[in-house]
């Protein structure tokens, strides 16, 4: 487990504040990275405000991120530690891998 700090809404419509949580260990097909930039878009705000239902708090919004790779799983071949990477809103969308 890796202790992580993010900015979370602790309740509906709350302002974001620092929040510590644990991330699981890097798995064989995972890429871990330190996030340097994060986008907050309208869908994040709708989630925080409870506009769609199903929200779970505390909530760390921001599903579009950029950062520097810190670790890769043993099956990862396309990324190396130190590279700059980004994740958009479509994760697991290569249509080839599980």
PDB file of N, CA and C in Angstrom:
ATOM      1  N   UNK A   1       0.839  -1.185   0.000  1.00  0.00           N
ATOM      2  CA  UNK A   1       0.000   0.000   0.000  1.00  0.00           C
ATOM      3  C   UNK A   1       0.883   1.247   0.000  1.00  0.00           C
ATOM      4  N   UNK A   2       0.405   2.258  -0.701  1.00  0.00           N
ATOM      5  CA  UNK A   2       1.120   3.519  -0.780  1.00  0.00           C
ATOM      6  C   UNK A   2       0.234   4.626  -0.231  1.00  0.00           C
ATOM      7  N   UNK A   3       0.710   5.318   0.791  1.00  0.00           N
ATOM      8  CA  UNK A   3      -0.060   6.441   1.313  1.00  0.00           C
ATOM      9  C   UNK A   3      -0.017   7.586   0.309  1.00  0.00           C
ATOM     10  N   UNK A   4      -1.175   8.148   0.033  1.00  0.00           N
ATOM     11  CA  UNK A   4      -1.331   9.173  -0.987  1.00  0.00           C
ATOM     12  C   UNK A   4      -2.108  10.348  -0.399  1.00  0.00           C
ATOM     13  N   UNK A   5      -1.819  11.536  -0.900  1.00  0.00           N
ATOM     14  CA  UNK A   5      -2.586  12.713  -0.493  1.00  0.00           C
ATOM     15  C   UNK A   5      -3.266  13.275  -1.724  1.00  0.00           C
ATOM     16  N   UNK A   6      -4.562  13.464  -1.628  1.00  0.00           N
ATOM     17  CA  UNK A   6      -5.344  14.081  -2.689  1.00  0.00           C
ATOM     18  C   UNK A   6      -6.196  15.176  -2.092  1.00  0.00           C
ATOM     19  N   UNK A   7      -6.958  15.833  -2.923  1.00  0.00           N
ATOM     20  CA  UNK A   7      -7.916  16.819  -2.435  1.00  0.00           C
ATOM     21  C   UNK A   7      -9.305  16.218  -2.581  1.00  0.00           C
ATOM     22  N   UNK A   8     -10.026  16.142  -1.478  1.00  0.00           N
ATOM     23  CA  UNK A   8     -11.317  15.457  -1.454  1.00  0.00           C
ATOM     24  C   UNK A   8     -12.434  16.365  -0.985  1.00  0.00           C
ATOM     25  N   UNK A   9     -13.624  16.068  -1.527  1.00  0.00           N
ATOM     26  CA  UNK A   9     -14.867  16.615  -0.971  1.00  0.00           C
ATOM     27  C   UNK A   9     -15.309  15.569   0.047  1.00  0.00           C
ATOM     28  N   UNK A  10     -15.448  15.967   1.294  1.00  0.00           N
ATOM     29  CA  UNK A  10     -15.814  14.999   2.337  1.00  0.00           C
ATOM     30  C   UNK A  10     -17.317  14.809   2.445  1.00  0.00           C
ATOM     31  N   UNK A  11     -18.078  15.774   1.930  1.00  0.00           N
ATOM     32  CA  UNK A  11     -19.541  15.691   1.906  1.00  0.00           C
ATOM     33  C   UNK A  11     -20.034  16.357   0.628  1.00  0.00           C
ATOM     34  N   UNK A  12     -21.308  16.176   0.339  1.00  0.00           N
ATOM     35  CA  UNK A  12     -21.904  16.774  -0.849  1.00  0.00           C
ATOM     36  C   UNK A  12     -21.735  18.281  -0.838  1.00  0.00           C
ATOM     37  N   UNK A  13     -21.301  18.824  -1.959  1.00  0.00           N
ATOM     38  CA  UNK A  13     -21.108  20.262  -2.187  1.00  0.00           C
ATOM     39  C   UNK A  13     -20.018  20.885  -1.313  1.00  0.00           C
ATOM     40  N   UNK A  14     -19.181  20.058  -0.679  1.00  0.00           N
ATOM     41  CA  UNK A  14     -18.111  20.578   0.171  1.00  0.00           C
ATOM     42  C   UNK A  14     -16.949  21.102  -0.663  1.00  0.00           C
ATOM     43  N   UNK A  15     -16.197  22.021  -0.080  1.00  0.00           N
ATOM     44  CA  UNK A  15     -14.965  22.470  -0.713  1.00  0.00           C
ATOM     45  C   UNK A  15     -13.936  21.353  -0.596  1.00  0.00           C
ATOM     46  N   UNK A  16     -13.014  21.295  -1.553  1.00  0.00           N
ATOM     47  CA  UNK A  16     -11.973  20.276  -1.518  1.00  0.00           C
ATOM     48  C   UNK A  16     -10.950  20.626  -0.444  1.00  0.00           C
ATOM     49  N   UNK A  17     -10.472  19.581   0.250  1.00  0.00           N
ATOM     50  CA  UNK A  17      -9.442  19.768   1.270  1.00  0.00           C
ATOM     51  C   UNK A  17      -8.505  18.565   1.248  1.00  0.00           C
ATOM     52  N   UNK A  18      -7.262  18.735   1.749  1.00  0.00           N
ATOM     53  CA  UNK A  18      -6.312  17.621   1.735  1.00  0.00           C
ATOM     54  C   UNK A  18      -6.890  16.388   2.419  1.00  0.00           C
ATOM     55  N   UNK A  19      -6.580  15.211   1.824  1.00  0.00           N
ATOM     56  CA  UNK A  19      -7.127  13.944   2.300  1.00  0.00           C
ATOM     57  C   UNK A  19      -6.112  12.838   2.057  1.00  0.00           C
ATOM     58  N   UNK A  20      -5.767  12.094   3.096  1.00  0.00           N
ATOM     59  CA  UNK A  20      -4.828  10.969   2.977  1.00  0.00           C
ATOM     60  C   UNK A  20      -5.607   9.680   2.760  1.00  0.00           C
ATOM     61  N   UNK A  21      -5.103   8.845   1.833  1.00  0.00           N
ATOM     62  CA  UNK A  21      -5.701   7.537   1.587  1.00  0.00           C
ATOM     63  C   UNK A  21      -4.625   6.594   1.080  1.00  0.00           C
ATOM     64  N   UNK A  22      -4.911   5.312   1.057  1.00  0.00           N
ATOM     65  CA  UNK A  22      -3.943   4.308   0.611  1.00  0.00           C
ATOM     66  C   UNK A  22      -4.302   3.768  -0.758  1.00  0.00           C
ATOM     67  N   UNK A  23      -3.288   3.647  -1.607  1.00  0.00           N
ATOM     68  CA  UNK A  23      -3.424   3.024  -2.932  1.00  0.00           C
ATOM     69  C   UNK A  23      -2.883   1.609  -2.824  1.00  0.00           C
ATOM     70  N   UNK A  24      -3.440   0.688  -3.596  1.00  0.00           N
ATOM     71  CA  UNK A  24      -2.948  -0.688  -3.579  1.00  0.00           C
ATOM     72  C   UNK A  24      -1.564  -0.757  -4.214  1.00  0.00           C
ATOM     73  N   UNK A  25      -0.894  -1.862  -3.991  1.00  0.00           N
ATOM     74  CA  UNK A  25       0.429  -2.073  -4.577  1.00  0.00           C
ATOM     75  C   UNK A  25       0.314  -2.144  -6.095  1.00  0.00           C
ATOM     76  N   UNK A  26       1.394  -1.811  -6.779  1.00  0.00           N
ATOM     77  CA  UNK A  26       1.436  -1.869  -8.239  1.00  0.00           C
ATOM     78  C   UNK A  26       1.341  -3.328  -8.680  1.00  0.00           C
ATOM     79  N   UNK A  27       0.358  -3.615  -9.530  1.00  0.00           N
ATOM     80  CA  UNK A  27       0.171  -4.965 -10.060  1.00  0.00           C
ATOM     81  C   UNK A  27       0.973  -5.172 -11.330  1.00  0.00           C
ATOM     82  N   UNK A  28       0.949  -6.374 -11.892  1.00  0.00           N
ATOM     83  CA  UNK A  28       1.778  -6.705 -13.050  1.00  0.00           C
ATOM     84  C   UNK A  28       1.499  -5.869 -14.294  1.00  0.00           C
ATOM     85  N   UNK A  29       0.301  -5.349 -14.459  1.00  0.00           N
ATOM     86  CA  UNK A  29      -0.024  -4.544 -15.646  1.00  0.00           C
ATOM     87  C   UNK A  29      -0.268  -3.073 -15.314  1.00  0.00           C
ATOM     88  N   UNK A  30       0.116  -2.654 -14.122  1.00  0.00           N
ATOM     89  CA  UNK A  30      -0.123  -1.278 -13.678  1.00  0.00           C
ATOM     90  C   UNK A  30       1.046  -0.355 -13.972  1.00  0.00           C
ATOM     91  N   UNK A  31       0.726   0.929 -14.070  1.00  0.00           N
ATOM     92  CA  UNK A  31       1.708   2.011 -14.142  1.00  0.00           C
ATOM     93  C   UNK A  31       1.364   2.975 -13.011  1.00  0.00           C
ATOM     94  N   UNK A  32       2.312   3.202 -12.105  1.00  0.00           N
ATOM     95  CA  UNK A  32       2.114   4.179 -11.021  1.00  0.00           C
ATOM     96  C   UNK A  32       2.845   5.458 -11.398  1.00  0.00           C
ATOM     97  N   UNK A  33       2.243   6.593 -11.049  1.00  0.00           N
ATOM     98  CA  UNK A  33       2.926   7.860 -11.337  1.00  0.00           C
ATOM     99  C   UNK A  33       2.513   8.925 -10.345  1.00  0.00           C
ATOM    100  N   UNK A  34       3.434   9.864 -10.123  1.00  0.00           N
ATOM    101  CA  UNK A  34       3.150  11.025  -9.290  1.00  0.00           C
ATOM    102  C   UNK A  34       2.400  12.031 -10.141  1.00  0.00           C
ATOM    103  N   UNK A  35       1.212  12.396  -9.716  1.00  0.00           N
ATOM    104  CA  UNK A  35       0.388  13.330 -10.472  1.00  0.00           C
ATOM    105  C   UNK A  35       0.913  14.750 -10.268  1.00  0.00           C
ATOM    106  N   UNK A  36       1.167  15.428 -11.378  1.00  0.00           N
ATOM    107  CA  UNK A  36       1.635  16.813 -11.322  1.00  0.00           C
ATOM    108  C   UNK A  36       0.543  17.798 -11.730  1.00  0.00           C
ATOM    109  N   UNK A  37      -0.408  17.325 -12.558  1.00  0.00           N
ATOM    110  CA  UNK A  37      -1.500  18.177 -13.028  1.00  0.00           C
ATOM    111  C   UNK A  37      -2.780  17.351 -13.100  1.00  0.00           C
ATOM    112  N   UNK A  38      -3.889  18.001 -12.793  1.00  0.00           N
ATOM    113  CA  UNK A  38      -5.175  17.310 -12.800  1.00  0.00           C
ATOM    114  C   UNK A  38      -6.253  18.269 -13.280  1.00  0.00           C
ATOM    115  N   UNK A  39      -7.114  17.774 -14.152  1.00  0.00           N
ATOM    116  CA  UNK A  39      -8.241  18.574 -14.614  1.00  0.00           C
ATOM    117  C   UNK A  39      -9.494  18.240 -13.828  1.00  0.00           C
ATOM    118  N   UNK A  40     -10.226  19.258 -13.448  1.00  0.00           N
ATOM    119  CA  UNK A  40     -11.534  19.085 -12.812  1.00  0.00           C
ATOM    120  C   UNK A  40     -12.556  19.606 -13.815  1.00  0.00           C
ATOM    121  N   UNK A  41     -13.454  18.732 -14.248  1.00  0.00           N
ATOM    122  CA  UNK A  41     -14.418  19.141 -15.261  1.00  0.00           C
ATOM    123  C   UNK A  41     -15.837  19.118 -14.701  1.00  0.00           C
ATOM    124  N   UNK A  42     -16.794  19.422 -15.560  1.00  0.00           N
ATOM    125  CA  UNK A  42     -18.188  19.523 -15.120  1.00  0.00           C
ATOM    126  C   UNK A  42     -18.698  18.217 -14.531  1.00  0.00           C
ATOM    127  N   UNK A  43     -18.253  17.078 -15.038  1.00  0.00           N
ATOM    128  CA  UNK A  43     -18.742  15.812 -14.479  1.00  0.00           C
ATOM    129  C   UNK A  43     -18.246  15.609 -13.053  1.00  0.00           C
ATOM    130  N   UNK A  44     -17.030  16.065 -12.744  1.00  0.00           N
ATOM    131  CA  UNK A  44     -16.536  16.003 -11.365  1.00  0.00           C
ATOM    132  C   UNK A  44     -17.417  16.857 -10.455  1.00  0.00           C
ATOM    133  N   UNK A  45     -17.760  18.049 -10.919  1.00  0.00           N
ATOM    134  CA  UNK A  45     -18.606  18.944 -10.117  1.00  0.00           C
ATOM    135  C   UNK A  45     -19.997  18.358  -9.913  1.00  0.00           C
ATOM    136  N   UNK A  46     -20.552  17.726 -10.951  1.00  0.00           N
ATOM    137  CA  UNK A  46     -21.856  17.072 -10.798  1.00  0.00           C
ATOM    138  C   UNK A  46     -21.789  15.954  -9.758  1.00  0.00           C
ATOM    139  N   UNK A  47     -20.688  15.191  -9.759  1.00  0.00           N
ATOM    140  CA  UNK A  47     -20.524  14.117  -8.766  1.00  0.00           C
ATOM    141  C   UNK A  47     -20.448  14.688  -7.354  1.00  0.00           C
ATOM    142  N   UNK A  48     -19.621  15.710  -7.170  1.00  0.00           N
ATOM    143  CA  UNK A  48     -19.478  16.326  -5.844  1.00  0.00           C
ATOM    144  C   UNK A  48     -20.814  16.876  -5.354  1.00  0.00           C
ATOM    145  N   UNK A  49     -21.569  17.479  -6.255  1.00  0.00           N
ATOM    146  CA  UNK A  49     -22.844  18.100  -5.875  1.00  0.00           C
ATOM    147  C   UNK A  49     -23.988  17.100  -5.752  1.00  0.00           C
ATOM    148  N   UNK A  50     -23.744  15.847  -6.093  1.00  0.00           N
ATOM    149  CA  UNK A  50     -24.779  14.830  -5.970  1.00  0.00           C
ATOM    150  C   UNK A  50     -25.874  14.933  -7.019  1.00  0.00           C
ATOM    151  N   UNK A  51     -25.552  15.530  -8.159  1.00  0.00           N
ATOM    152  CA  UNK A  51     -26.563  15.739  -9.198  1.00  0.00           C
ATOM    153  C   UNK A  51     -27.033  14.451  -9.863  1.00  0.00           C
ATOM    154  N   UNK A  52     -26.200  13.414  -9.848  1.00  0.00           N
ATOM    155  CA  UNK A  52     -26.531  12.187 -10.562  1.00  0.00           C
ATOM    156  C   UNK A  52     -26.857  11.027  -9.626  1.00  0.00           C
ATOM    157  N   UNK A  53     -26.645  11.206  -8.338  1.00  0.00           N
ATOM    158  CA  UNK A  53     -26.865  10.115  -7.389  1.00  0.00           C
ATOM    159  C   UNK A  53     -25.713   9.117  -7.419  1.00  0.00           C
ATOM    160  N   UNK A  54     -25.672   8.271  -6.416  1.00  0.00           N
ATOM    161  CA  UNK A  54     -24.647   7.235  -6.353  1.00  0.00           C
ATOM    162  C   UNK A  54     -23.284   7.704  -5.895  1.00  0.00           C
ATOM    163  N   UNK A  55     -23.184   8.938  -5.434  1.00  0.00           N
ATOM    164  CA  UNK A  55     -21.880   9.456  -5.012  1.00  0.00           C
ATOM    165  C   UNK A  55     -21.436   8.784  -3.709  1.00  0.00           C
ATOM    166  N   UNK A  56     -20.120   8.673  -3.561  1.00  0.00           N
ATOM    167  CA  UNK A  56     -19.512   8.080  -2.370  1.00  0.00           C
ATOM    168  C   UNK A  56     -18.497   9.082  -1.830  1.00  0.00           C
ATOM    169  N   UNK A  57     -18.604   9.388  -0.553  1.00  0.00           N
ATOM    170  CA  UNK A  57     -17.700  10.355   0.078  1.00  0.00           C
ATOM    171  C   UNK A  57     -16.863   9.669   1.132  1.00  0.00           C
ATOM    172  N   UNK A  58     -15.636  10.122   1.354  1.00  0.00           N
ATOM    173  CA  UNK A  58     -14.987  11.252   0.691  1.00  0.00           C
ATOM    174  C   UNK A  58     -14.715  10.921  -0.777  1.00  0.00           C
ATOM    175  N   UNK A  59     -14.704  11.955  -1.603  1.00  0.00           N
ATOM    176  CA  UNK A  59     -14.524  11.808  -3.042  1.00  0.00           C
ATOM    177  C   UNK A  59     -13.344  12.666  -3.494  1.00  0.00           C
ATOM    178  N   UNK A  60     -12.398  12.037  -4.182  1.00  0.00           N
ATOM    179  CA  UNK A  60     -11.261  12.756  -4.773  1.00  0.00           C
ATOM    180  C   UNK A  60     -11.563  12.894  -6.262  1.00  0.00           C
ATOM    181  N   UNK A  61     -12.028  14.072  -6.691  1.00  0.00           N
ATOM    182  CA  UNK A  61     -12.375  14.245  -8.097  1.00  0.00           C
ATOM    183  C   UNK A  61     -11.129  14.444  -8.958  1.00  0.00           C
ATOM    184  N   UNK A  62     -11.326  14.348 -10.244  1.00  0.00           N
ATOM    185  CA  UNK A  62     -10.229  14.586 -11.183  1.00  0.00           C
ATOM    186  C   UNK A  62      -9.848  13.308 -11.890  1.00  0.00           C
ATOM    187  N   UNK A  63     -10.426  13.051 -13.031  1.00  0.00           N
ATOM    188  CA  UNK A  63     -10.168  11.808 -13.741  1.00  0.00           C
ATOM    189  C   UNK A  63      -9.328  12.017 -14.993  1.00  0.00           C
ATOM    190  N   UNK A  64      -8.756  13.184 -15.145  1.00  0.00           N
ATOM    191  CA  UNK A  64      -7.846  13.474 -16.246  1.00  0.00           C
ATOM    192  C   UNK A  64      -6.567  14.014 -15.624  1.00  0.00           C
ATOM    193  N   UNK A  65      -5.495  13.198 -15.677  1.00  0.00           N
ATOM    194  CA  UNK A  65      -4.286  13.514 -14.918  1.00  0.00           C
ATOM    195  C   UNK A  65      -3.027  13.349 -15.760  1.00  0.00           C
ATOM    196  N   UNK A  66      -1.966  14.070 -15.352  1.00  0.00           N
ATOM    197  CA  UNK A  66      -0.651  14.000 -15.977  1.00  0.00           C
ATOM    198  C   UNK A  66       0.378  13.872 -14.868  1.00  0.00           C
ATOM    199  N   UNK A  67       1.431  13.109 -15.106  1.00  0.00           N
ATOM    200  CA  UNK A  67       2.486  12.990 -14.102  1.00  0.00           C
ATOM    201  C   UNK A  67       3.671  12.194 -14.593  1.00  0.00           C
ATOM    202  N   UNK A  68       4.587  11.909 -13.655  1.00  0.00           N
ATOM    203  CA  UNK A  68       5.834  11.201 -13.963  1.00  0.00           C
ATOM    204  C   UNK A  68       5.771   9.787 -13.407  1.00  0.00           C
ATOM    205  N   UNK A  69       6.086   8.807 -14.254  1.00  0.00           N
ATOM    206  CA  UNK A  69       6.037   7.396 -13.876  1.00  0.00           C
ATOM    207  C   UNK A  69       7.041   7.122 -12.757  1.00  0.00           C
ATOM    208  N   UNK A  70       6.560   6.448 -11.698  1.00  0.00           N
ATOM    209  CA  UNK A  70       7.407   6.089 -10.556  1.00  0.00           C
ATOM    210  C   UNK A  70       7.629   4.586 -10.450  1.00  0.00           C
ATOM    211  N   UNK A  71       6.747   3.786 -11.055  1.00  0.00           N
ATOM    212  CA  UNK A  71       6.877   2.328 -11.012  1.00  0.00           C
ATOM    213  C   UNK A  71       6.026   1.718 -12.117  1.00  0.00           C
ATOM    214  N   UNK A  72       6.476   0.574 -12.630  1.00  0.00           N
ATOM    215  CA  UNK A  72       5.689  -0.156 -13.622  1.00  0.00           C
ATOM    216  C   UNK A  72       5.643  -1.623 -13.216  1.00  0.00           C
ATOM    217  N   UNK A  73       4.528  -2.278 -13.552  1.00  0.00           N
ATOM    218  CA  UNK A  73       4.382  -3.702 -13.291  1.00  0.00           C
ATOM    219  C   UNK A  73       5.291  -4.516 -14.200  1.00  0.00           C
ATOM    220  N   UNK A  74       5.517  -5.767 -13.823  1.00  0.00           N
ATOM    221  CA  UNK A  74       6.473  -6.611 -14.555  1.00  0.00           C
ATOM    222  C   UNK A  74       6.034  -6.927 -15.990  1.00  0.00           C
ATOM    223  N   UNK A  75       4.763  -6.784 -16.301  1.00  0.00           N
ATOM    224  CA  UNK A  75       4.281  -7.051 -17.660  1.00  0.00           C
ATOM    225  C   UNK A  75       4.195  -5.789 -18.520  1.00  0.00           C
ATOM    226  N   UNK A  76       4.511  -4.637 -17.970  1.00  0.00           N
ATOM    227  CA  UNK A  76       4.406  -3.371 -18.701  1.00  0.00           C
ATOM    228  C   UNK A  76       5.631  -3.185 -19.580  1.00  0.00           C
ATOM    229  N   UNK A  77       5.403  -2.935 -20.870  1.00  0.00           N
ATOM    230  CA  UNK A  77       6.521  -2.738 -21.804  1.00  0.00           C
ATOM    231  C   UNK A  77       6.508  -1.367 -22.470  1.00  0.00           C
ATOM    232  N   UNK A  78       5.380  -0.676 -22.449  1.00  0.00           N
ATOM    233  CA  UNK A  78       5.253   0.583 -23.183  1.00  0.00           C
ATOM    234  C   UNK A  78       5.674   1.812 -22.383  1.00  0.00           C
ATOM    235  N   UNK A  79       5.877   1.651 -21.070  1.00  0.00           N
ATOM    236  CA  UNK A  79       6.214   2.797 -20.229  1.00  0.00           C
ATOM    237  C   UNK A  79       7.408   2.478 -19.360  1.00  0.00           C
ATOM    238  N   UNK A  80       8.183   3.514 -19.042  1.00  0.00           N
ATOM    239  CA  UNK A  80       9.378   3.378 -18.216  1.00  0.00           C
ATOM    240  C   UNK A  80       9.345   4.409 -17.092  1.00  0.00           C
ATOM    241  N   UNK A  81       9.985   4.076 -15.968  1.00  0.00           N
ATOM    242  CA  UNK A  81      10.106   5.017 -14.852  1.00  0.00           C
ATOM    243  C   UNK A  81      10.768   6.294 -15.357  1.00  0.00           C
ATOM    244  N   UNK A  82      10.207   7.430 -14.979  1.00  0.00           N
ATOM    245  CA  UNK A  82      10.734   8.728 -15.372  1.00  0.00           C
ATOM    246  C   UNK A  82       9.981   9.369 -16.528  1.00  0.00           C
ATOM    247  N   UNK A  83       9.237   8.573 -17.302  1.00  0.00           N
ATOM    248  CA  UNK A  83       8.467   9.129 -18.415  1.00  0.00           C
ATOM    249  C   UNK A  83       7.319   9.992 -17.899  1.00  0.00           C
ATOM    250  N   UNK A  84       6.914  10.953 -18.718  1.00  0.00           N
ATOM    251  CA  UNK A  84       5.720  11.749 -18.441  1.00  0.00           C
ATOM    252  C   UNK A  84       4.553  11.044 -19.134  1.00  0.00           C
ATOM    253  N   UNK A  85       3.470  10.844 -18.381  1.00  0.00           N
ATOM    254  CA  UNK A  85       2.298  10.149 -18.919  1.00  0.00           C
ATOM    255  C   UNK A  85       1.032  10.931 -18.591  1.00  0.00           C
ATOM    256  N   UNK A  86      -0.017  10.607 -19.299  1.00  0.00           N
ATOM    257  CA  UNK A  86      -1.311  11.212 -19.035  1.00  0.00           C
ATOM    258  C   UNK A  86      -2.405  10.174 -19.136  1.00  0.00           C
ATOM    259  N   UNK A  87      -3.457  10.387 -18.380  1.00  0.00           N
ATOM    260  CA  UNK A  87      -4.632   9.523 -18.433  1.00  0.00           C
ATOM    261  C   UNK A  87      -5.829  10.420 -18.672  1.00  0.00           C
ATOM    262  N   UNK A  88      -6.553  10.136 -19.730  1.00  0.00           N
ATOM    263  CA  UNK A  88      -7.754  10.895 -20.039  1.00  0.00           C
ATOM    264  C   UNK A  88      -8.973  10.265 -19.393  1.00  0.00           C
ATOM    265  N   UNK A  89     -10.121  10.675 -19.829  1.00  0.00           N
ATOM    266  CA  UNK A  89     -11.352  10.173 -19.219  1.00  0.00           C
ATOM    267  C   UNK A  89     -11.706   8.769 -19.693  1.00  0.00           C
ATOM    268  N   UNK A  90     -11.086   8.283 -20.736  1.00  0.00           N
ATOM    269  CA  UNK A  90     -11.366   6.936 -21.243  1.00  0.00           C
ATOM    270  C   UNK A  90     -10.231   5.994 -20.834  1.00  0.00           C
ATOM    271  N   UNK A  91     -10.393   5.329 -19.710  1.00  0.00           N
ATOM    272  CA  UNK A  91      -9.393   4.393 -19.214  1.00  0.00           C
ATOM    273  C   UNK A  91      -9.796   2.984 -19.645  1.00  0.00           C
ATOM    274  N   UNK A  92      -8.806   2.122 -19.919  1.00  0.00           N
ATOM    275  CA  UNK A  92      -9.053   0.743 -20.344  1.00  0.00           C
ATOM    276  C   UNK A  92      -9.845   0.714 -21.649  1.00  0.00           C
ATOM    277  N   UNK A  93      -9.521   1.588 -22.577  1.00  0.00           N
ATOM    278  CA  UNK A  93     -10.315   1.672 -23.791  1.00  0.00           C
ATOM    279  C   UNK A  93      -9.564   1.248 -25.045  1.00  0.00           C
ATOM    280  N   UNK A  94      -8.462   0.492 -24.904  1.00  0.00           N
ATOM    281  CA  UNK A  94      -7.715   0.075 -26.098  1.00  0.00           C
ATOM    282  C   UNK A  94      -8.460  -0.991 -26.890  1.00  0.00           C
ATOM    283  N   UNK A  95      -9.482  -1.591 -26.277  1.00  0.00           N
ATOM    284  CA  UNK A  95     -10.320  -2.598 -26.928  1.00  0.00           C
ATOM    285  C   UNK A  95      -9.577  -3.912 -27.203  1.00  0.00           C
ATOM    286  N   UNK A  96      -8.363  -4.064 -26.659  1.00  0.00           N
ATOM    287  CA  UNK A  96      -7.606  -5.291 -26.853  1.00  0.00           C
ATOM    288  C   UNK A  96      -7.292  -6.002 -25.541  1.00  0.00           C
ATOM    289  N   UNK A  97      -6.971  -5.260 -24.498  1.00  0.00           N
ATOM    290  CA  UNK A  97      -6.567  -5.900 -23.239  1.00  0.00           C
ATOM    291  C   UNK A  97      -7.748  -5.968 -22.264  1.00  0.00           C
ATOM    292  N   UNK A  98      -7.598  -6.832 -21.278  1.00  0.00           N
ATOM    293  CA  UNK A  98      -8.651  -6.978 -20.280  1.00  0.00           C
ATOM    294  C   UNK A  98      -8.807  -5.719 -19.455  1.00  0.00           C
TER     295      UNK A  98
END
